[in-house]
Amino acid sequence: MNFTPDQSALLSTEQESWYIKWQFVTNDDRQITHIERFDVVDEVTTETATTAQQVIGINTKIIRTFIEINTIPFDINLNIYSATDSSSPVVPNLVWPSNIKRVKNTATGGYVYYYNIPAGTLDYNTDYLAIWDVTETVTSVPTTVIQKIHVVYFNLLVKIPQVRMLIDKIQKRQGRVHAYEDADIVEYLNQGIKLVNSIFPYTNYSVINLPDALDFYWTMAAAWYGLNAQYMLEAETSFNFSGQTVTLDVDRTGFIESELGRLWDLLNEHLPKIKTFLARKRGLGTVSVRPYAGCNLAIPQPLLSNLERMLGFSLSSWFASPYSR
């Protein structure tokens, strides 16, 4: 039996849903009642209009994680873990339809199952994994789908248009395979700052303590990382066609490769000099009579105290105790 809700029917919410009450009478005059619950939802959704391979969010805002399935499965379960702790989920044991909601995507014919993570649940600057366990039929083995969620610092979002203006002046429409999604650029920025740190001399800067003098090179490093990904995309999607009177050739890899070389030369030529200058600017310590950047001779606290008592004055400005750090 097919049933189509009226167009004026109220949509389902977390508090209220619809149900069908079936009553059967058996051959021996026994009456059986069966209740089947269902949701009335919007027909069109745009949740999947993205090619990003991770979800980005801000810890003060609602963050949505979702999965699209071609058919209606028997069971769906969702757990959200911190990327560094798989023992206990941050958001445990969510199921459809009580916690997880569903809308139909008429563009693809599939069904989008989603959950809105409440604001403040996830910590900023932290990676999480949304683990979806999907069972298609009663006898099927559950299939696991993993989605990465990256909660960013709010000030990191300012860098997204800076990188986009450098590598996407054509402003490709979001959702296309060649477009740069915001989630992609956030990953380029995260890898870019690691690249800045790895170039000699080694540093350990983060998003919140990167010196202003290195901000420009952070943007260049993020663009370099992003263009590497775009280079691989162009290599996989390039094609050529030759007819009797027409020749069509699409291959942008040469232009991207040239820009990659220029960015890499810029980073390797100027970044080590600026990082060395910043390291020396932090202050000089003294070992013997030779100055070293950021260095102090360490001496155990008990020995330092005995020397101060013998000499009658403090040596704390000359030596650093490993026990007092």
Protein backbone atom coordinates (compact mmCIF):
# COMPACT_ATOMS: atom_id res chain seq x y z
CA MET A 1 0.00 0.00 0.00
CA ASN A 2 1.31 3.46 -0.93
CA PHE A 3 0.50 6.59 1.07
CA THR A 4 1.32 10.15 0.01
CA PRO A 5 1.02 12.87 2.71
CA ASP A 6 -0.96 15.96 1.83
CA GLN A 7 1.15 18.95 0.72
CA SER A 8 -0.20 20.95 3.66
CA ALA A 9 0.91 18.30 6.18
CA LEU A 10 3.11 19.63 8.99
CA LEU A 11 6.79 18.71 8.79
CA SER A 12 8.24 16.39 11.39
CA THR A 13 10.32 17.84 14.23
CA GLU A 14 12.50 16.38 16.98
CA GLN A 15 9.47 16.43 19.30
CA GLU A 16 6.72 15.31 16.91
CA SER A 17 6.57 12.80 14.07
CA TRP A 18 3.91 10.90 12.11
CA TYR A 19 2.81 7.28 12.37
CA ILE A 20 0.51 4.78 10.68
CA LYS A 21 -1.58 2.49 12.87
CA TRP A 22 -2.33 -0.86 11.25
CA GLN A 23 -5.03 -3.19 12.59
CA PHE A 24 -5.26 -6.77 11.35
CA VAL A 25 -7.81 -9.50 12.01
CA THR A 26 -6.48 -13.04 11.66
CA ASN A 27 -8.37 -16.11 10.45
CA ASP A 28 -9.03 -17.10 14.06
CA ASP A 29 -10.54 -13.66 14.81
CA ARG A 30 -7.51 -12.33 16.72
CA GLN A 31 -6.88 -8.59 16.39
CA ILE A 32 -3.29 -7.41 15.86
CA THR A 33 -2.15 -3.78 15.99
CA HIS A 34 1.07 -2.54 14.36
CA ILE A 35 2.38 1.04 14.49
CA GLU A 36 4.82 2.27 11.81
CA ARG A 37 6.47 5.66 12.33
CA PHE A 38 7.63 7.98 9.54
CA ASP A 39 8.75 11.57 8.99
CA VAL A 40 7.37 14.24 6.69
CA VAL A 41 10.32 16.32 5.46
CA ASP A 42 11.25 18.86 2.81
CA GLU A 43 11.70 17.40 -0.64
CA VAL A 44 14.78 19.36 -1.75
CA THR A 45 18.05 19.78 0.09
CA THR A 46 21.42 21.30 -0.79
CA GLU A 47 23.46 19.64 1.94
CA THR A 48 25.54 17.62 -0.55
CA ALA A 49 26.38 20.52 -2.91
CA THR A 50 30.03 20.37 -1.93
CA THR A 51 33.16 18.52 -2.99
CA ALA A 52 35.00 19.14 0.30
CA GLN A 53 36.46 16.07 1.96
CA GLN A 54 36.03 17.37 5.50
CA VAL A 55 33.57 19.45 7.52
CA ILE A 56 34.74 22.69 9.09
CA GLY A 57 33.00 24.50 11.90
CA ILE A 58 33.29 26.95 14.79
CA ASN A 59 32.78 25.67 18.33
CA THR A 60 30.32 28.51 19.11
CA LYS A 61 28.09 27.52 16.16
CA ILE A 62 26.03 24.44 15.26
CA ILE A 63 28.09 22.01 13.16
CA ARG A 64 26.30 19.63 10.78
CA THR A 65 27.62 16.21 9.83
CA PHE A 66 25.80 14.27 7.14
CA ILE A 67 25.91 11.27 4.84
CA GLU A 68 24.03 10.56 1.59
CA ILE A 69 22.72 7.07 0.78
CA ASN A 70 20.99 5.96 -2.41
CA THR A 71 18.45 3.74 -0.65
CA ILE A 72 16.65 3.76 2.69
CA PRO A 73 18.79 1.60 5.02
CA PHE A 74 17.59 -0.69 7.78
CA ASP A 75 19.66 1.01 10.48
CA ILE A 76 22.02 4.00 10.89
CA ASN A 77 24.23 4.70 13.90
CA LEU A 78 26.50 7.70 14.49
CA ASN A 79 29.33 8.21 16.99
CA ILE A 80 31.65 11.23 17.06
CA TYR A 81 35.16 10.80 18.48
CA SER A 82 38.10 13.08 19.06
CA ALA A 83 40.84 12.20 16.56
CA THR A 84 43.21 11.59 19.48
CA ASP A 85 40.87 9.48 21.65
CA SER A 86 38.99 6.52 20.22
CA SER A 87 38.03 5.04 23.60
CA SER A 88 35.02 7.22 24.42
CA PRO A 89 32.87 9.13 21.91
CA VAL A 90 32.18 12.82 22.45
CA VAL A 91 28.71 12.32 20.95
CA PRO A 92 27.64 8.67 21.47
CA ASN A 93 25.10 6.31 19.90
CA LEU A 94 22.89 8.50 17.74
CA VAL A 95 20.27 6.64 15.69
CA TRP A 96 17.66 7.42 13.08
CA PRO A 97 14.92 8.64 13.46
CA SER A 98 15.20 9.69 17.12
CA ASN A 99 18.40 11.78 16.81
CA ILE A 100 19.39 11.68 13.15
CA LYS A 101 17.14 13.40 10.62
CA ARG A 102 16.56 12.66 6.93
CA VAL A 103 15.78 14.71 3.82
CA LYS A 104 15.58 13.65 0.19
CA ASN A 105 17.93 15.05 -2.43
CA THR A 106 15.92 15.20 -5.63
CA ALA A 107 19.00 16.16 -7.64
CA THR A 108 20.59 12.76 -7.05
CA GLY A 109 17.61 10.69 -5.90
CA GLY A 110 19.40 9.79 -2.66
CA TYR A 111 18.61 10.42 0.99
CA VAL A 112 20.68 12.72 3.20
CA TYR A 113 20.91 11.74 6.86
CA TYR A 114 22.24 14.49 9.09
CA TYR A 115 22.84 15.50 12.69
CA ASN A 116 23.32 19.03 14.00
CA ILE A 117 26.03 19.02 16.67
CA PRO A 118 25.03 21.59 19.32
CA ALA A 119 27.21 24.67 19.74
CA GLY A 120 29.93 24.28 22.36
CA THR A 121 30.08 20.48 22.11
CA LEU A 122 33.37 20.37 20.19
CA ASP A 123 36.60 22.19 21.14
CA TYR A 124 38.22 24.70 18.82
CA ASN A 125 41.36 23.82 16.84
CA THR A 126 40.59 20.11 17.21
CA ASP A 127 39.96 17.30 14.73
CA TYR A 128 37.06 14.89 15.20
CA LEU A 129 35.85 11.81 13.34
CA ALA A 130 32.17 11.19 12.66
CA ILE A 131 31.77 7.40 12.39
CA TRP A 132 28.62 6.39 10.49
CA ASP A 133 27.62 2.71 10.68
CA VAL A 134 25.07 1.92 7.98
CA THR A 135 23.18 -1.38 7.77
CA GLU A 136 21.31 -1.65 4.46
CA THR A 137 19.14 -4.67 5.26
CA VAL A 138 18.41 -6.86 8.27
CA THR A 139 20.98 -9.43 7.14
CA SER A 140 23.62 -6.97 5.85
CA VAL A 141 27.00 -6.40 7.46
CA PRO A 142 27.25 -2.76 8.65
CA THR A 143 29.28 -0.45 6.42
CA THR A 144 31.40 2.22 8.12
CA VAL A 145 31.79 5.70 6.65
CA ILE A 146 34.25 8.11 8.29
CA GLN A 147 33.94 11.88 8.01
CA LYS A 148 36.53 14.31 9.36
CA ILE A 149 35.33 17.37 11.29
CA HIS A 150 37.82 20.18 11.87
CA VAL A 151 36.85 22.87 14.38
CA VAL A 152 38.87 25.97 13.50
CA TYR A 153 40.05 29.03 15.35
CA PHE A 154 37.74 31.91 14.47
CA ASN A 155 40.67 34.07 13.29
CA LEU A 156 41.69 31.35 10.83
CA LEU A 157 38.62 32.15 8.74
CA VAL A 158 40.14 35.54 7.88
CA LYS A 159 42.89 33.74 5.96
CA ILE A 160 40.47 31.87 3.66
CA PRO A 161 39.75 34.84 1.31
CA GLN A 162 43.47 35.73 1.26
CA VAL A 163 44.39 32.31 -0.11
CA ARG A 164 41.36 32.23 -2.42
CA MET A 165 42.27 35.61 -3.95
CA LEU A 166 45.69 34.20 -4.82
CA ILE A 167 44.73 30.85 -6.36
CA ASP A 168 41.10 31.34 -7.44
CA LYS A 169 40.71 34.70 -9.17
CA ILE A 170 38.27 33.12 -11.62
CA GLN A 171 36.02 32.35 -8.61
CA LYS A 172 34.94 28.85 -9.58
CA ARG A 173 31.39 28.04 -8.51
CA GLN A 174 31.18 26.08 -5.25
CA GLY A 175 30.25 22.43 -5.65
CA ARG A 176 32.20 21.93 -8.88
CA VAL A 177 35.11 19.51 -8.83
CA HIS A 178 37.60 22.24 -9.84
CA ALA A 179 36.37 24.69 -7.20
CA TYR A 180 38.14 25.44 -3.93
CA GLU A 181 35.80 24.76 -1.02
CA ASP A 182 36.36 26.64 2.25
CA ALA A 183 37.03 23.32 3.97
CA ASP A 184 39.76 22.60 1.40
CA ILE A 185 41.44 25.98 1.97
CA VAL A 186 41.36 25.43 5.74
CA GLU A 187 43.31 22.21 5.18
CA TYR A 188 45.76 24.08 2.92
CA LEU A 189 46.28 26.64 5.70
CA ASN A 190 46.87 23.92 8.30
CA GLN A 191 49.43 22.20 6.08
CA GLY A 192 50.92 25.56 5.11
CA ILE A 193 51.79 26.48 8.67
CA LYS A 194 53.42 23.06 9.09
CA LEU A 195 55.48 23.80 5.99
CA VAL A 196 56.53 27.18 7.40
CA ASN A 197 57.60 25.47 10.64
CA SER A 198 59.55 22.73 8.84
CA ILE A 199 61.73 25.06 6.76
CA PHE A 200 65.07 25.69 8.52
CA PRO A 201 65.39 26.82 11.25
CA TYR A 202 62.72 24.57 12.71
CA THR A 203 59.95 26.31 14.67
CA ASN A 204 56.71 25.35 16.38
CA TYR A 205 54.35 28.23 15.56
CA SER A 206 50.58 27.80 15.60
CA VAL A 207 47.69 29.77 14.18
CA ILE A 208 47.47 32.02 17.25
CA ASN A 209 51.16 32.79 17.84
CA LEU A 210 52.57 33.08 14.31
CA PRO A 211 54.55 36.36 14.06
CA ASP A 212 53.19 39.00 11.70
CA ALA A 213 56.45 38.86 9.75
CA LEU A 214 55.63 35.27 8.71
CA ASP A 215 51.96 35.82 7.85
CA PHE A 216 52.72 36.51 4.18
CA TYR A 217 54.81 33.33 3.89
CA TRP A 218 52.05 31.35 5.57
CA THR A 219 49.69 32.46 2.80
CA MET A 220 52.28 31.52 0.16
CA ALA A 221 52.86 28.11 1.76
CA ALA A 222 49.10 27.41 1.89
CA ALA A 223 48.80 28.42 -1.78
CA TRP A 224 51.71 26.12 -2.68
CA TYR A 225 50.03 23.19 -0.93
CA GLY A 226 46.68 23.95 -2.55
CA LEU A 227 48.16 24.24 -6.02
CA ASN A 228 49.77 20.83 -5.59
CA ALA A 229 46.30 19.36 -5.03
CA GLN A 230 44.97 21.32 -8.02
CA TYR A 231 47.87 20.08 -10.15
CA MET A 232 46.89 16.47 -9.48
CA LEU A 233 43.24 17.29 -10.25
CA GLU A 234 44.15 18.93 -13.56
CA ALA A 235 46.39 15.98 -14.47
CA GLU A 236 43.52 13.56 -13.91
CA THR A 237 40.92 15.64 -15.79
CA SER A 238 43.03 16.89 -18.72
CA PHE A 239 42.03 15.67 -22.19
CA ASN A 240 42.62 16.34 -25.88
CA PHE A 241 40.52 15.77 -28.98
CA SER A 242 41.51 15.94 -32.63
CA GLY A 243 39.03 15.87 -35.49
CA GLN A 244 39.40 16.60 -39.18
CA THR A 245 39.16 20.36 -38.68
CA VAL A 246 39.09 20.84 -34.90
CA THR A 247 41.74 20.25 -32.24
CA LEU A 248 40.75 20.70 -28.58
CA ASP A 249 43.36 20.45 -25.84
CA VAL A 250 42.72 21.20 -22.15
CA ASP A 251 45.80 20.95 -19.92
CA ARG A 252 46.57 23.55 -17.26
CA THR A 253 49.27 21.54 -15.48
CA GLY A 254 52.10 23.48 -17.13
CA PHE A 255 50.91 26.82 -15.79
CA ILE A 256 50.33 25.42 -12.29
CA GLU A 257 53.74 23.73 -12.28
CA SER A 258 55.40 27.03 -13.17
CA GLU A 259 53.65 28.81 -10.30
CA LEU A 260 54.56 26.01 -7.89
CA GLY A 261 58.21 26.53 -8.78
CA ARG A 262 58.02 30.29 -8.19
CA LEU A 263 56.33 29.87 -4.81
CA TRP A 264 58.84 27.23 -3.70
CA ASP A 265 61.78 29.44 -4.68
CA LEU A 266 60.24 32.35 -2.75
CA LEU A 267 59.79 30.24 0.39
CA ASN A 268 63.26 28.70 0.29
CA GLU A 269 65.07 31.94 -0.46
CA HIS A 270 63.51 34.36 2.01
CA LEU A 271 61.79 32.35 4.75
CA PRO A 272 64.98 30.90 6.37
CA LYS A 273 66.48 34.39 6.67
CA ILE A 274 63.42 35.86 8.36
CA LYS A 275 63.02 32.90 10.72
CA THR A 276 66.70 33.12 11.69
CA PHE A 277 66.32 36.86 12.36
CA LEU A 278 63.25 36.24 14.55
CA ALA A 279 65.05 33.51 16.49
CA ARG A 280 67.98 35.81 17.25
CA LYS A 281 65.64 38.65 18.15
CA ARG A 282 64.19 36.60 21.03
CA GLY A 283 67.38 37.25 23.03
CA LEU A 284 70.93 36.01 23.58
CA GLY A 285 72.15 33.69 26.29
CA THR A 286 75.81 33.08 27.11
CA VAL A 287 77.78 29.84 27.16
CA SER A 288 81.40 30.55 28.17
CA VAL A 289 82.18 33.80 26.30
CA ARG A 290 80.36 32.98 23.07
CA PRO A 291 76.78 34.25 22.48
CA TYR A 292 74.10 31.81 21.37
CA ALA A 293 70.57 32.69 20.32
CA GLY A 294 67.91 31.77 22.87
CA CYS A 295 70.34 29.73 24.99
CA ASN A 296 71.08 29.61 28.76
CA LEU A 297 73.38 27.23 30.60
CA ALA A 298 71.33 24.89 32.78
CA ILE A 299 72.50 23.91 36.27
CA PRO A 300 70.67 21.84 38.92
CA GLN A 301 68.87 23.94 41.56
CA PRO A 302 70.65 22.45 44.64
CA LEU A 303 74.10 23.19 43.17
CA LEU A 304 73.01 26.67 42.12
CA SER A 305 71.79 27.44 45.66
CA ASN A 306 75.10 26.25 47.21
CA LEU A 307 77.14 28.44 44.85
CA GLU A 308 74.99 31.48 45.66
CA ARG A 309 75.50 30.94 49.43
CA MET A 310 79.27 30.59 48.97
CA LEU A 311 79.62 33.69 46.77
CA GLY A 312 77.06 35.83 48.60
CA PHE A 313 75.09 36.99 45.54
CA SER A 314 72.51 35.64 43.10
CA LEU A 315 73.45 33.72 39.95
CA SER A 316 69.89 33.29 38.65
CA SER A 317 70.47 35.73 35.79
CA TRP A 318 73.53 33.75 34.65
CA PHE A 319 72.20 30.22 34.86
CA ALA A 320 68.86 28.55 34.30
CA SER A 321 67.75 25.70 36.52
CA PRO A 322 65.94 22.83 34.78
CA TYR A 323 63.97 22.23 37.98
CA SER A 324 62.49 25.71 38.06
CA ARG A 325 61.22 25.80 34.46
